[in-house]
Amino acid sequence: MHPRACVSAISTFSLPLDADLEFWDRHGIGTVGVSVAKLERFGWPEGTKLVTDAAGRGLRVANLIGLGPFHLANPASWPKQQERLVRSIGEQVAEVRAAIESTVEDDELAIVYLVPLDNS
């Protein structure tokens, strides 16, 4: 597979994270997008370790995908949605973020970080 081709975990949505990693390895898929939902279902610490271990063996992680909709019309849902966003871009996935940054060249990918503002 061409090294600039990226396979999203959304394309194998019914598979759990560990099965995705096995599938990608078995089929020679070297660049992937990891699903936040799959990290959540697998468990953040365990899932993050699996992904970073795979990155250490050469898997290129191009992005994290699937934060889900943020329903602005439903203010009661905001705290839960904010928590998920912060977890997805914060300390919980710092290792995955490091794997993303260490596996791409500067001209291959632009990574944008959203930083929550302090409301105090």
PDB file of N, CA and C in Angstrom:
ATOM      1  N   MET A   1       0.847  -1.170   0.000  1.00  0.00           N
ATOM      2  CA  MET A   1       0.000   0.000   0.000  1.00  0.00           C
ATOM      3  C   MET A   1       0.898   1.240   0.000  1.00  0.00           C
ATOM      4  N   HIS A   2       0.500   2.243  -0.749  1.00  0.00           N
ATOM      5  CA  HIS A   2       1.284   3.473  -0.831  1.00  0.00           C
ATOM      6  C   HIS A   2       1.404   4.100   0.556  1.00  0.00           C
ATOM      7  N   PRO A   3       2.604   4.578   0.948  1.00  0.00           N
ATOM      8  CA  PRO A   3       2.800   5.107   2.297  1.00  0.00           C
ATOM      9  C   PRO A   3       1.973   6.356   2.618  1.00  0.00           C
ATOM     10  N   ARG A   4       1.502   7.070   1.605  1.00  0.00           N
ATOM     11  CA  ARG A   4       0.668   8.242   1.870  1.00  0.00           C
ATOM     12  C   ARG A   4      -0.816   7.908   1.960  1.00  0.00           C
ATOM     13  N   ALA A   5      -1.175   6.668   1.645  1.00  0.00           N
ATOM     14  CA  ALA A   5      -2.563   6.241   1.801  1.00  0.00           C
ATOM     15  C   ALA A   5      -2.820   5.986   3.281  1.00  0.00           C
ATOM     16  N   CYS A   6      -3.960   6.436   3.748  1.00  0.00           N
ATOM     17  CA  CYS A   6      -4.312   6.299   5.159  1.00  0.00           C
ATOM     18  C   CYS A   6      -5.654   5.587   5.261  1.00  0.00           C
ATOM     19  N   VAL A   7      -5.711   4.544   6.065  1.00  0.00           N
ATOM     20  CA  VAL A   7      -6.946   3.801   6.276  1.00  0.00           C
ATOM     21  C   VAL A   7      -7.532   4.223   7.616  1.00  0.00           C
ATOM     22  N   SER A   8      -8.765   4.662   7.581  1.00  0.00           N
ATOM     23  CA  SER A   8      -9.445   5.110   8.791  1.00  0.00           C
ATOM     24  C   SER A   8     -10.064   3.935   9.528  1.00  0.00           C
ATOM     25  N   ALA A   9     -10.025   3.998  10.856  1.00  0.00           N
ATOM     26  CA  ALA A   9     -10.675   2.978  11.677  1.00  0.00           C
ATOM     27  C   ALA A   9     -12.187   2.980  11.477  1.00  0.00           C
ATOM     28  N   ILE A  10     -12.713   4.057  10.927  1.00  0.00           N
ATOM     29  CA  ILE A  10     -14.140   4.116  10.631  1.00  0.00           C
ATOM     30  C   ILE A  10     -14.504   3.084   9.565  1.00  0.00           C
ATOM     31  N   SER A  11     -13.566   2.741   8.688  1.00  0.00           N
ATOM     32  CA  SER A  11     -13.855   1.772   7.626  1.00  0.00           C
ATOM     33  C   SER A  11     -14.013   0.352   8.167  1.00  0.00           C
ATOM     34  N   THR A  12     -13.576   0.120   9.378  1.00  0.00           N
ATOM     35  CA  THR A  12     -13.763  -1.174  10.038  1.00  0.00           C
ATOM     36  C   THR A  12     -14.471  -0.940  11.372  1.00  0.00           C
ATOM     37  N   PHE A  13     -15.536  -0.153  11.321  1.00  0.00           N
ATOM     38  CA  PHE A  13     -16.183   0.325  12.546  1.00  0.00           C
ATOM     39  C   PHE A  13     -16.648  -0.798  13.469  1.00  0.00           C
ATOM     40  N   SER A  14     -17.031  -1.945  12.913  1.00  0.00           N
ATOM     41  CA  SER A  14     -17.519  -3.034  13.762  1.00  0.00           C
ATOM     42  C   SER A  14     -16.399  -3.786  14.479  1.00  0.00           C
ATOM     43  N   LEU A  15     -15.156  -3.575  14.059  1.00  0.00           N
ATOM     44  CA  LEU A  15     -14.042  -4.255  14.717  1.00  0.00           C
ATOM     45  C   LEU A  15     -13.593  -3.483  15.953  1.00  0.00           C
ATOM     46  N   PRO A  16     -13.200  -4.175  17.007  1.00  0.00           N
ATOM     47  CA  PRO A  16     -12.605  -3.480  18.152  1.00  0.00           C
ATOM     48  C   PRO A  16     -11.179  -3.033  17.817  1.00  0.00           C
ATOM     49  N   LEU A  17     -10.630  -2.194  18.645  1.00  0.00           N
ATOM     50  CA  LEU A  17      -9.308  -1.607  18.406  1.00  0.00           C
ATOM     51  C   LEU A  17      -8.232  -2.664  18.196  1.00  0.00           C
ATOM     52  N   ASP A  18      -8.176  -3.668  19.030  1.00  0.00           N
ATOM     53  CA  ASP A  18      -7.128  -4.678  18.880  1.00  0.00           C
ATOM     54  C   ASP A  18      -7.256  -5.438  17.558  1.00  0.00           C
ATOM     55  N   ALA A  19      -8.500  -5.668  17.119  1.00  0.00           N
ATOM     56  CA  ALA A  19      -8.704  -6.333  15.828  1.00  0.00           C
ATOM     57  C   ALA A  19      -8.290  -5.423  14.670  1.00  0.00           C
ATOM     58  N   ASP A  20      -8.525  -4.109  14.804  1.00  0.00           N
ATOM     59  CA  ASP A  20      -8.042  -3.163  13.794  1.00  0.00           C
ATOM     60  C   ASP A  20      -6.533  -3.273  13.644  1.00  0.00           C
ATOM     61  N   LEU A  21      -5.833  -3.235  14.758  1.00  0.00           N
ATOM     62  CA  LEU A  21      -4.373  -3.282  14.726  1.00  0.00           C
ATOM     63  C   LEU A  21      -3.882  -4.578  14.089  1.00  0.00           C
ATOM     64  N   GLU A  22      -4.521  -5.692  14.403  1.00  0.00           N
ATOM     65  CA  GLU A  22      -4.157  -6.973  13.783  1.00  0.00           C
ATOM     66  C   GLU A  22      -4.454  -6.958  12.287  1.00  0.00           C
ATOM     67  N   PHE A  23      -5.616  -6.417  11.897  1.00  0.00           N
ATOM     68  CA  PHE A  23      -6.009  -6.332  10.487  1.00  0.00           C
ATOM     69  C   PHE A  23      -5.004  -5.489   9.709  1.00  0.00           C
ATOM     70  N   TRP A  24      -4.672  -4.311  10.238  1.00  0.00           N
ATOM     71  CA  TRP A  24      -3.740  -3.431   9.545  1.00  0.00           C
ATOM     72  C   TRP A  24      -2.387  -4.103   9.367  1.00  0.00           C
ATOM     73  N   ASP A  25      -1.908  -4.768  10.407  1.00  0.00           N
ATOM     74  CA  ASP A  25      -0.619  -5.445  10.329  1.00  0.00           C
ATOM     75  C   ASP A  25      -0.660  -6.582   9.307  1.00  0.00           C
ATOM     76  N   ARG A  26      -1.712  -7.382   9.363  1.00  0.00           N
ATOM     77  CA  ARG A  26      -1.848  -8.539   8.464  1.00  0.00           C
ATOM     78  C   ARG A  26      -1.915  -8.134   6.997  1.00  0.00           C
ATOM     79  N   HIS A  27      -2.497  -6.967   6.711  1.00  0.00           N
ATOM     80  CA  HIS A  27      -2.678  -6.526   5.329  1.00  0.00           C
ATOM     81  C   HIS A  27      -1.660  -5.481   4.885  1.00  0.00           C
ATOM     82  N   GLY A  28      -0.645  -5.254   5.699  1.00  0.00           N
ATOM     83  CA  GLY A  28       0.421  -4.328   5.309  1.00  0.00           C
ATOM     84  C   GLY A  28      -0.018  -2.875   5.238  1.00  0.00           C
ATOM     85  N   ILE A  29      -1.005  -2.511   6.035  1.00  0.00           N
ATOM     86  CA  ILE A  29      -1.483  -1.125   6.073  1.00  0.00           C
ATOM     87  C   ILE A  29      -0.609  -0.368   7.059  1.00  0.00           C
ATOM     88  N   GLY A  30       0.097   0.630   6.563  1.00  0.00           N
ATOM     89  CA  GLY A  30       1.094   1.288   7.390  1.00  0.00           C
ATOM     90  C   GLY A  30       0.697   2.626   7.967  1.00  0.00           C
ATOM     91  N   THR A  31      -0.327   3.282   7.419  1.00  0.00           N
ATOM     92  CA  THR A  31      -0.758   4.587   7.910  1.00  0.00           C
ATOM     93  C   THR A  31      -2.250   4.526   8.192  1.00  0.00           C
ATOM     94  N   VAL A  32      -2.628   4.933   9.392  1.00  0.00           N
ATOM     95  CA  VAL A  32      -4.018   4.764   9.827  1.00  0.00           C
ATOM     96  C   VAL A  32      -4.537   5.986  10.571  1.00  0.00           C
ATOM     97  N   GLY A  33      -5.852   6.057  10.649  1.00  0.00           N
ATOM     98  CA  GLY A  33      -6.539   6.988  11.530  1.00  0.00           C
ATOM     99  C   GLY A  33      -7.179   6.181  12.639  1.00  0.00           C
ATOM    100  N   VAL A  34      -6.904   6.534  13.879  1.00  0.00           N
ATOM    101  CA  VAL A  34      -7.402   5.790  15.030  1.00  0.00           C
ATOM    102  C   VAL A  34      -8.715   6.403  15.513  1.00  0.00           C
ATOM    103  N   SER A  35      -9.657   5.555  15.858  1.00  0.00           N
ATOM    104  CA  SER A  35     -10.982   5.986  16.297  1.00  0.00           C
ATOM    105  C   SER A  35     -11.008   6.272  17.801  1.00  0.00           C
ATOM    106  N   VAL A  36     -11.464   7.481  18.161  1.00  0.00           N
ATOM    107  CA  VAL A  36     -11.632   7.839  19.564  1.00  0.00           C
ATOM    108  C   VAL A  36     -12.656   6.909  20.217  1.00  0.00           C
ATOM    109  N   ALA A  37     -13.736   6.599  19.507  1.00  0.00           N
ATOM    110  CA  ALA A  37     -14.764   5.714  20.057  1.00  0.00           C
ATOM    111  C   ALA A  37     -14.190   4.337  20.374  1.00  0.00           C
ATOM    112  N   LYS A  38     -13.308   3.846  19.515  1.00  0.00           N
ATOM    113  CA  LYS A  38     -12.699   2.542  19.769  1.00  0.00           C
ATOM    114  C   LYS A  38     -11.735   2.603  20.952  1.00  0.00           C
ATOM    115  N   LEU A  39     -11.006   3.710  21.091  1.00  0.00           N
ATOM    116  CA  LEU A  39     -10.159   3.882  22.275  1.00  0.00           C
ATOM    117  C   LEU A  39     -11.009   3.876  23.541  1.00  0.00           C
ATOM    118  N   GLU A  40     -12.140   4.554  23.491  1.00  0.00           N
ATOM    119  CA  GLU A  40     -13.039   4.588  24.649  1.00  0.00           C
ATOM    120  C   GLU A  40     -13.566   3.197  24.976  1.00  0.00           C
ATOM    121  N   ARG A  41     -14.030   2.479  23.968  1.00  0.00           N
ATOM    122  CA  ARG A  41     -14.591   1.141  24.211  1.00  0.00           C
ATOM    123  C   ARG A  41     -13.534   0.171  24.712  1.00  0.00           C
ATOM    124  N   PHE A  42     -12.325   0.284  24.197  1.00  0.00           N
ATOM    125  CA  PHE A  42     -11.259  -0.634  24.609  1.00  0.00           C
ATOM    126  C   PHE A  42     -10.735  -0.279  25.991  1.00  0.00           C
ATOM    127  N   GLY A  43     -10.815   1.010  26.310  1.00  0.00           N
ATOM    128  CA  GLY A  43     -10.242   1.530  27.559  1.00  0.00           C
ATOM    129  C   GLY A  43      -9.060   2.415  27.212  1.00  0.00           C
ATOM    130  N   TRP A  44      -9.110   3.656  27.652  1.00  0.00           N
ATOM    131  CA  TRP A  44      -8.068   4.621  27.269  1.00  0.00           C
ATOM    132  C   TRP A  44      -6.653   4.136  27.556  1.00  0.00           C
ATOM    133  N   PRO A  45      -6.331   3.732  28.776  1.00  0.00           N
ATOM    134  CA  PRO A  45      -4.934   3.342  29.039  1.00  0.00           C
ATOM    135  C   PRO A  45      -4.483   2.143  28.205  1.00  0.00           C
ATOM    136  N   GLU A  46      -5.313   1.110  28.140  1.00  0.00           N
ATOM    137  CA  GLU A  46      -4.945  -0.094  27.393  1.00  0.00           C
ATOM    138  C   GLU A  46      -4.895   0.175  25.896  1.00  0.00           C
ATOM    139  N   GLY A  47      -5.885   0.903  25.390  1.00  0.00           N
ATOM    140  CA  GLY A  47      -5.922   1.216  23.965  1.00  0.00           C
ATOM    141  C   GLY A  47      -4.762   2.086  23.532  1.00  0.00           C
ATOM    142  N   THR A  48      -4.457   3.083  24.360  1.00  0.00           N
ATOM    143  CA  THR A  48      -3.323   3.959  24.058  1.00  0.00           C
ATOM    144  C   THR A  48      -2.030   3.156  24.005  1.00  0.00           C
ATOM    145  N   LYS A  49      -1.875   2.226  24.926  1.00  0.00           N
ATOM    146  CA  LYS A  49      -0.665   1.397  24.929  1.00  0.00           C
ATOM    147  C   LYS A  49      -0.578   0.538  23.670  1.00  0.00           C
ATOM    148  N   LEU A  50      -1.695  -0.066  23.265  1.00  0.00           N
ATOM    149  CA  LEU A  50      -1.686  -0.867  22.041  1.00  0.00           C
ATOM    150  C   LEU A  50      -1.271  -0.039  20.826  1.00  0.00           C
ATOM    151  N   VAL A  51      -1.826   1.163  20.716  1.00  0.00           N
ATOM    152  CA  VAL A  51      -1.523   2.016  19.565  1.00  0.00           C
ATOM    153  C   VAL A  51      -0.065   2.470  19.602  1.00  0.00           C
ATOM    154  N   THR A  52       0.414   2.885  20.750  1.00  0.00           N
ATOM    155  CA  THR A  52       1.806   3.341  20.819  1.00  0.00           C
ATOM    156  C   THR A  52       2.780   2.187  20.601  1.00  0.00           C
ATOM    157  N   ASP A  53       2.430   0.996  21.067  1.00  0.00           N
ATOM    158  CA  ASP A  53       3.278  -0.169  20.792  1.00  0.00           C
ATOM    159  C   ASP A  53       3.335  -0.439  19.291  1.00  0.00           C
ATOM    160  N   ALA A  54       2.177  -0.356  18.619  1.00  0.00           N
ATOM    161  CA  ALA A  54       2.140  -0.566  17.169  1.00  0.00           C
ATOM    162  C   ALA A  54       2.939   0.519  16.452  1.00  0.00           C
ATOM    163  N   ALA A  55       2.837   1.760  16.934  1.00  0.00           N
ATOM    164  CA  ALA A  55       3.626   2.852  16.334  1.00  0.00           C
ATOM    165  C   ALA A  55       5.117   2.590  16.518  1.00  0.00           C
ATOM    166  N   GLY A  56       5.476   2.019  17.633  1.00  0.00           N
ATOM    167  CA  GLY A  56       6.878   1.666  17.868  1.00  0.00           C
ATOM    168  C   GLY A  56       7.381   0.600  16.912  1.00  0.00           C
ATOM    169  N   ARG A  57       6.459  -0.190  16.375  1.00  0.00           N
ATOM    170  CA  ARG A  57       6.824  -1.222  15.389  1.00  0.00           C
ATOM    171  C   ARG A  57       6.687  -0.718  13.956  1.00  0.00           C
ATOM    172  N   GLY A  58       6.363   0.580  13.793  1.00  0.00           N
ATOM    173  CA  GLY A  58       6.328   1.146  12.451  1.00  0.00           C
ATOM    174  C   GLY A  58       4.983   1.645  11.957  1.00  0.00           C
ATOM    175  N   LEU A  59       3.901   1.387  12.700  1.00  0.00           N
ATOM    176  CA  LEU A  59       2.609   1.910  12.278  1.00  0.00           C
ATOM    177  C   LEU A  59       2.623   3.426  12.351  1.00  0.00           C
ATOM    178  N   ARG A  60       2.140   4.065  11.304  1.00  0.00           N
ATOM    179  CA  ARG A  60       2.051   5.532  11.279  1.00  0.00           C
ATOM    180  C   ARG A  60       0.629   5.943  11.612  1.00  0.00           C
ATOM    181  N   VAL A  61       0.474   6.716  12.664  1.00  0.00           N
ATOM    182  CA  VAL A  61      -0.843   7.195  13.078  1.00  0.00           C
ATOM    183  C   VAL A  61      -1.008   8.607  12.537  1.00  0.00           C
ATOM    184  N   ALA A  62      -1.928   8.775  11.588  1.00  0.00           N
ATOM    185  CA  ALA A  62      -2.103  10.067  10.922  1.00  0.00           C
ATOM    186  C   ALA A  62      -3.083  10.975  11.646  1.00  0.00           C
ATOM    187  N   ASN A  63      -4.059  10.387  12.371  1.00  0.00           N
ATOM    188  CA  ASN A  63      -5.060  11.222  13.020  1.00  0.00           C
ATOM    189  C   ASN A  63      -5.868  10.429  14.031  1.00  0.00           C
ATOM    190  N   LEU A  64      -6.559  11.170  14.852  1.00  0.00           N
ATOM    191  CA  LEU A  64      -7.595  10.618  15.727  1.00  0.00           C
ATOM    192  C   LEU A  64      -8.911  11.096  15.150  1.00  0.00           C
ATOM    193  N   ILE A  65      -9.866  10.198  15.005  1.00  0.00           N
ATOM    194  CA  ILE A  65     -11.113  10.547  14.352  1.00  0.00           C
ATOM    195  C   ILE A  65     -12.307  10.112  15.199  1.00  0.00           C
ATOM    196  N   GLY A  66     -13.405  10.807  15.002  1.00  0.00           N
ATOM    197  CA  GLY A  66     -14.653  10.365  15.585  1.00  0.00           C
ATOM    198  C   GLY A  66     -14.992  10.953  16.935  1.00  0.00           C
ATOM    199  N   LEU A  67     -14.757  12.236  17.096  1.00  0.00           N
ATOM    200  CA  LEU A  67     -15.147  12.866  18.358  1.00  0.00           C
ATOM    201  C   LEU A  67     -16.656  12.958  18.508  1.00  0.00           C
ATOM    202  N   GLY A  68     -17.355  12.789  17.421  1.00  0.00           N
ATOM    203  CA  GLY A  68     -18.814  12.826  17.470  1.00  0.00           C
ATOM    204  C   GLY A  68     -19.338  14.242  17.395  1.00  0.00           C
ATOM    205  N   PRO A  69     -20.648  14.355  17.280  1.00  0.00           N
ATOM    206  CA  PRO A  69     -21.247  15.694  17.151  1.00  0.00           C
ATOM    207  C   PRO A  69     -21.232  16.449  18.482  1.00  0.00           C
ATOM    208  N   PHE A  70     -21.132  17.739  18.365  1.00  0.00           N
ATOM    209  CA  PHE A  70     -21.211  18.625  19.529  1.00  0.00           C
ATOM    210  C   PHE A  70     -22.503  19.413  19.351  1.00  0.00           C
ATOM    211  N   HIS A  71     -23.509  19.065  20.119  1.00  0.00           N
ATOM    212  CA  HIS A  71     -24.853  19.624  19.958  1.00  0.00           C
ATOM    213  C   HIS A  71     -24.991  20.965  20.680  1.00  0.00           C
ATOM    214  N   LEU A  72     -24.777  22.031  19.953  1.00  0.00           N
ATOM    215  CA  LEU A  72     -24.858  23.363  20.551  1.00  0.00           C
ATOM    216  C   LEU A  72     -26.274  23.712  20.979  1.00  0.00           C
ATOM    217  N   ALA A  73     -27.268  23.120  20.346  1.00  0.00           N
ATOM    218  CA  ALA A  73     -28.662  23.418  20.683  1.00  0.00           C
ATOM    219  C   ALA A  73     -29.099  22.750  21.987  1.00  0.00           C
ATOM    220  N   ASN A  74     -28.247  21.923  22.569  1.00  0.00           N
ATOM    221  CA  ASN A  74     -28.586  21.213  23.799  1.00  0.00           C
ATOM    222  C   ASN A  74     -27.540  21.509  24.875  1.00  0.00           C
ATOM    223  N   PRO A  75     -27.633  22.657  25.545  1.00  0.00           N
ATOM    224  CA  PRO A  75     -26.631  23.042  26.542  1.00  0.00           C
ATOM    225  C   PRO A  75     -26.435  22.018  27.658  1.00  0.00           C
ATOM    226  N   ALA A  76     -27.456  21.229  27.962  1.00  0.00           N
ATOM    227  CA  ALA A  76     -27.316  20.219  29.017  1.00  0.00           C
ATOM    228  C   ALA A  76     -26.286  19.150  28.639  1.00  0.00           C
ATOM    229  N   SER A  77     -26.052  18.964  27.343  1.00  0.00           N
ATOM    230  CA  SER A  77     -25.097  17.950  26.898  1.00  0.00           C
ATOM    231  C   SER A  77     -23.665  18.476  26.822  1.00  0.00           C
ATOM    232  N   TRP A  78     -23.471  19.771  26.961  1.00  0.00           N
ATOM    233  CA  TRP A  78     -22.146  20.359  26.785  1.00  0.00           C
ATOM    234  C   TRP A  78     -21.085  19.799  27.723  1.00  0.00           C
ATOM    235  N   PRO A  79     -21.351  19.659  29.028  1.00  0.00           N
ATOM    236  CA  PRO A  79     -20.277  19.162  29.905  1.00  0.00           C
ATOM    237  C   PRO A  79     -19.738  17.797  29.483  1.00  0.00           C
ATOM    238  N   LYS A  80     -20.621  16.875  29.122  1.00  0.00           N
ATOM    239  CA  LYS A  80     -20.172  15.555  28.700  1.00  0.00           C
ATOM    240  C   LYS A  80     -19.378  15.639  27.393  1.00  0.00           C
ATOM    241  N   GLN A  81     -19.851  16.456  26.461  1.00  0.00           N
ATOM    242  CA  GLN A  81     -19.151  16.615  25.190  1.00  0.00           C
ATOM    243  C   GLN A  81     -17.796  17.288  25.392  1.00  0.00           C
ATOM    244  N   GLN A  82     -17.741  18.280  26.278  1.00  0.00           N
ATOM    245  CA  GLN A  82     -16.475  18.954  26.565  1.00  0.00           C
ATOM    246  C   GLN A  82     -15.480  17.996  27.201  1.00  0.00           C
ATOM    247  N   GLU A  83     -15.965  17.164  28.117  1.00  0.00           N
ATOM    248  CA  GLU A  83     -15.091  16.185  28.766  1.00  0.00           C
ATOM    249  C   GLU A  83     -14.490  15.221  27.744  1.00  0.00           C
ATOM    250  N   ARG A  84     -15.306  14.765  26.799  1.00  0.00           N
ATOM    251  CA  ARG A  84     -14.815  13.844  25.774  1.00  0.00           C
ATOM    252  C   ARG A  84     -13.774  14.517  24.887  1.00  0.00           C
ATOM    253  N   LEU A  85     -14.024  15.753  24.511  1.00  0.00           N
ATOM    254  CA  LEU A  85     -13.075  16.492  23.686  1.00  0.00           C
ATOM    255  C   LEU A  85     -11.754  16.677  24.420  1.00  0.00           C
ATOM    256  N   VAL A  86     -11.821  17.109  25.662  1.00  0.00           N
ATOM    257  CA  VAL A  86     -10.597  17.335  26.435  1.00  0.00           C
ATOM    258  C   VAL A  86      -9.831  16.031  26.611  1.00  0.00           C
ATOM    259  N   ARG A  87     -10.540  14.943  26.913  1.00  0.00           N
ATOM    260  CA  ARG A  87      -9.868  13.651  27.058  1.00  0.00           C
ATOM    261  C   ARG A  87      -9.199  13.247  25.746  1.00  0.00           C
ATOM    262  N   SER A  88      -9.866  13.503  24.640  1.00  0.00           N
ATOM    263  CA  SER A  88      -9.347  13.078  23.346  1.00  0.00           C
ATOM    264  C   SER A  88      -8.116  13.844  22.904  1.00  0.00           C
ATOM    265  N   ILE A  89      -7.989  15.087  23.325  1.00  0.00           N
ATOM    266  CA  ILE A  89      -6.826  15.872  22.897  1.00  0.00           C
ATOM    267  C   ILE A  89      -5.886  16.171  24.049  1.00  0.00           C
ATOM    268  N   GLY A  90      -6.217  15.712  25.234  1.00  0.00           N
ATOM    269  CA  GLY A  90      -5.434  16.043  26.410  1.00  0.00           C
ATOM    270  C   GLY A  90      -4.457  14.959  26.803  1.00  0.00           C
ATOM    271  N   GLU A  91      -4.198  14.892  28.082  1.00  0.00           N
ATOM    272  CA  GLU A  91      -3.193  13.991  28.623  1.00  0.00           C
ATOM    273  C   GLU A  91      -3.475  12.520  28.349  1.00  0.00           C
ATOM    274  N   GLN A  92      -4.749  12.130  28.255  1.00  0.00           N
ATOM    275  CA  GLN A  92      -5.078  10.722  28.041  1.00  0.00           C
ATOM    276  C   GLN A  92      -4.445  10.160  26.776  1.00  0.00           C
ATOM    277  N   VAL A  93      -4.294  10.990  25.751  1.00  0.00           N
ATOM    278  CA  VAL A  93      -3.749  10.478  24.500  1.00  0.00           C
ATOM    279  C   VAL A  93      -2.441  11.170  24.114  1.00  0.00           C
ATOM    280  N   ALA A  94      -1.728  11.677  25.104  1.00  0.00           N
ATOM    281  CA  ALA A  94      -0.459  12.336  24.816  1.00  0.00           C
ATOM    282  C   ALA A  94       0.497  11.393  24.095  1.00  0.00           C
ATOM    283  N   GLU A  95       0.483  10.115  24.468  1.00  0.00           N
ATOM    284  CA  GLU A  95       1.363   9.150  23.814  1.00  0.00           C
ATOM    285  C   GLU A  95       0.958   8.923  22.361  1.00  0.00           C
ATOM    286  N   VAL A  96      -0.343   8.865  22.099  1.00  0.00           N
ATOM    287  CA  VAL A  96      -0.799   8.694  20.713  1.00  0.00           C
ATOM    288  C   VAL A  96      -0.428   9.932  19.911  1.00  0.00           C
ATOM    289  N   ARG A  97      -0.611  11.115  20.506  1.00  0.00           N
ATOM    290  CA  ARG A  97      -0.245  12.354  19.836  1.00  0.00           C
ATOM    291  C   ARG A  97       1.249  12.349  19.517  1.00  0.00           C
ATOM    292  N   ALA A  98       2.065  11.880  20.455  1.00  0.00           N
ATOM    293  CA  ALA A  98       3.505  11.791  20.207  1.00  0.00           C
ATOM    294  C   ALA A  98       3.799  10.817  19.074  1.00  0.00           C
ATOM    295  N   ALA A  99       3.026   9.724  19.015  1.00  0.00           N
ATOM    296  CA  ALA A  99       3.215   8.761  17.928  1.00  0.00           C
ATOM    297  C   ALA A  99       2.866   9.392  16.589  1.00  0.00           C
ATOM    298  N   ILE A 100       1.814  10.199  16.564  1.00  0.00           N
ATOM    299  CA  ILE A 100       1.446  10.895  15.330  1.00  0.00           C
ATOM    300  C   ILE A 100       2.591  11.798  14.898  1.00  0.00           C
ATOM    301  N   GLU A 101       3.089  12.590  15.829  1.00  0.00           N
ATOM    302  CA  GLU A 101       4.122  13.562  15.495  1.00  0.00           C
ATOM    303  C   GLU A 101       5.430  12.904  15.094  1.00  0.00           C
ATOM    304  N   SER A 102       5.734  11.750  15.666  1.00  0.00           N
ATOM    305  CA  SER A 102       7.025  11.122  15.392  1.00  0.00           C
ATOM    306  C   SER A 102       7.022  10.294  14.115  1.00  0.00           C
ATOM    307  N   THR A 103       5.852  10.066  13.526  1.00  0.00           N
ATOM    308  CA  THR A 103       5.810   9.186  12.364  1.00  0.00           C
ATOM    309  C   THR A 103       5.536   9.917  11.055  1.00  0.00           C
ATOM    310  N   VAL A 104       5.435  11.235  11.093  1.00  0.00           N
ATOM    311  CA  VAL A 104       5.183  11.968   9.857  1.00  0.00           C
ATOM    312  C   VAL A 104       6.245  13.032   9.641  1.00  0.00           C
ATOM    313  N   GLU A 105       6.458  13.337   8.389  1.00  0.00           N
ATOM    314  CA  GLU A 105       7.374  14.413   8.027  1.00  0.00           C
ATOM    315  C   GLU A 105       6.630  15.738   8.084  1.00  0.00           C
ATOM    316  N   ASP A 106       7.352  16.822   8.259  1.00  0.00           N
ATOM    317  CA  ASP A 106       6.736  18.144   8.380  1.00  0.00           C
ATOM    318  C   ASP A 106       5.823  18.488   7.206  1.00  0.00           C
ATOM    319  N   ASP A 107       6.176  18.069   6.008  1.00  0.00           N
ATOM    320  CA  ASP A 107       5.387  18.447   4.842  1.00  0.00           C
ATOM    321  C   ASP A 107       4.252  17.472   4.548  1.00  0.00           C
ATOM    322  N   GLU A 108       4.082  16.453   5.375  1.00  0.00           N
ATOM    323  CA  GLU A 108       3.057  15.453   5.106  1.00  0.00           C
ATOM    324  C   GLU A 108       1.727  15.726   5.792  1.00  0.00           C
ATOM    325  N   LEU A 109       1.748  16.366   6.939  1.00  0.00           N
ATOM    326  CA  LEU A 109       0.543  16.440   7.734  1.00  0.00           C
ATOM    327  C   LEU A 109       0.562  17.685   8.601  1.00  0.00           C
ATOM    328  N   ALA A 110      -0.546  18.361   8.630  1.00  0.00           N
ATOM    329  CA  ALA A 110      -0.701  19.487   9.550  1.00  0.00           C
ATOM    330  C   ALA A 110      -1.569  19.017  10.701  1.00  0.00           C
ATOM    331  N   ILE A 111      -1.069  19.130  11.908  1.00  0.00           N
ATOM    332  CA  ILE A 111      -1.820  18.721  13.088  1.00  0.00           C
ATOM    333  C   ILE A 111      -2.307  19.978  13.786  1.00  0.00           C
ATOM    334  N   VAL A 112      -3.604  20.033  14.022  1.00  0.00           N
ATOM    335  CA  VAL A 112      -4.203  21.187  14.683  1.00  0.00           C
ATOM    336  C   VAL A 112      -4.694  20.746  16.049  1.00  0.00           C
ATOM    337  N   TYR A 113      -4.298  21.482  17.068  1.00  0.00           N
ATOM    338  CA  TYR A 113      -4.751  21.183  18.413  1.00  0.00           C
ATOM    339  C   TYR A 113      -5.760  22.234  18.846  1.00  0.00           C
ATOM    340  N   LEU A 114      -6.845  21.771  19.441  1.00  0.00           N
ATOM    341  CA  LEU A 114      -7.824  22.672  20.032  1.00  0.00           C
ATOM    342  C   LEU A 114      -7.545  22.693  21.522  1.00  0.00           C
ATOM    343  N   VAL A 115      -7.390  23.855  22.065  1.00  0.00           N
ATOM    344  CA  VAL A 115      -7.077  23.975  23.486  1.00  0.00           C
ATOM    345  C   VAL A 115      -8.272  24.609  24.189  1.00  0.00           C
ATOM    346  N   PRO A 116      -8.840  23.913  25.201  1.00  0.00           N
ATOM    347  CA  PRO A 116      -9.971  24.503  25.900  1.00  0.00           C
ATOM    348  C   PRO A 116      -9.551  25.776  26.640  1.00  0.00           C
ATOM    349  N   LEU A 117     -10.406  26.761  26.594  1.00  0.00           N
ATOM    350  CA  LEU A 117     -10.135  28.008  27.268  1.00  0.00           C
ATOM    351  C   LEU A 117     -10.519  27.926  28.727  1.00  0.00           C
ATOM    352  N   ASP A 118      -9.777  28.589  29.566  1.00  0.00           N
ATOM    353  CA  ASP A 118     -10.111  28.671  30.982  1.00  0.00           C
ATOM    354  C   ASP A 118     -11.254  29.654  31.147  1.00  0.00           C
ATOM    355  N   ASN A 119     -12.373  29.193  31.667  1.00  0.00           N
ATOM    356  CA  ASN A 119     -13.564  30.033  31.793  1.00  0.00           C
ATOM    357  C   ASN A 119     -13.591  30.853  33.057  1.00  0.00           C
ATOM    358  N   SER A 120     -12.526  30.862  33.841  1.00  0.00           N
ATOM    359  CA  SER A 120     -12.536  31.607  35.096  1.00  0.00           C
ATOM    360  C   SER A 120     -12.333  33.095  34.886  1.00  0.00           C
TER     361      SER A 120
END
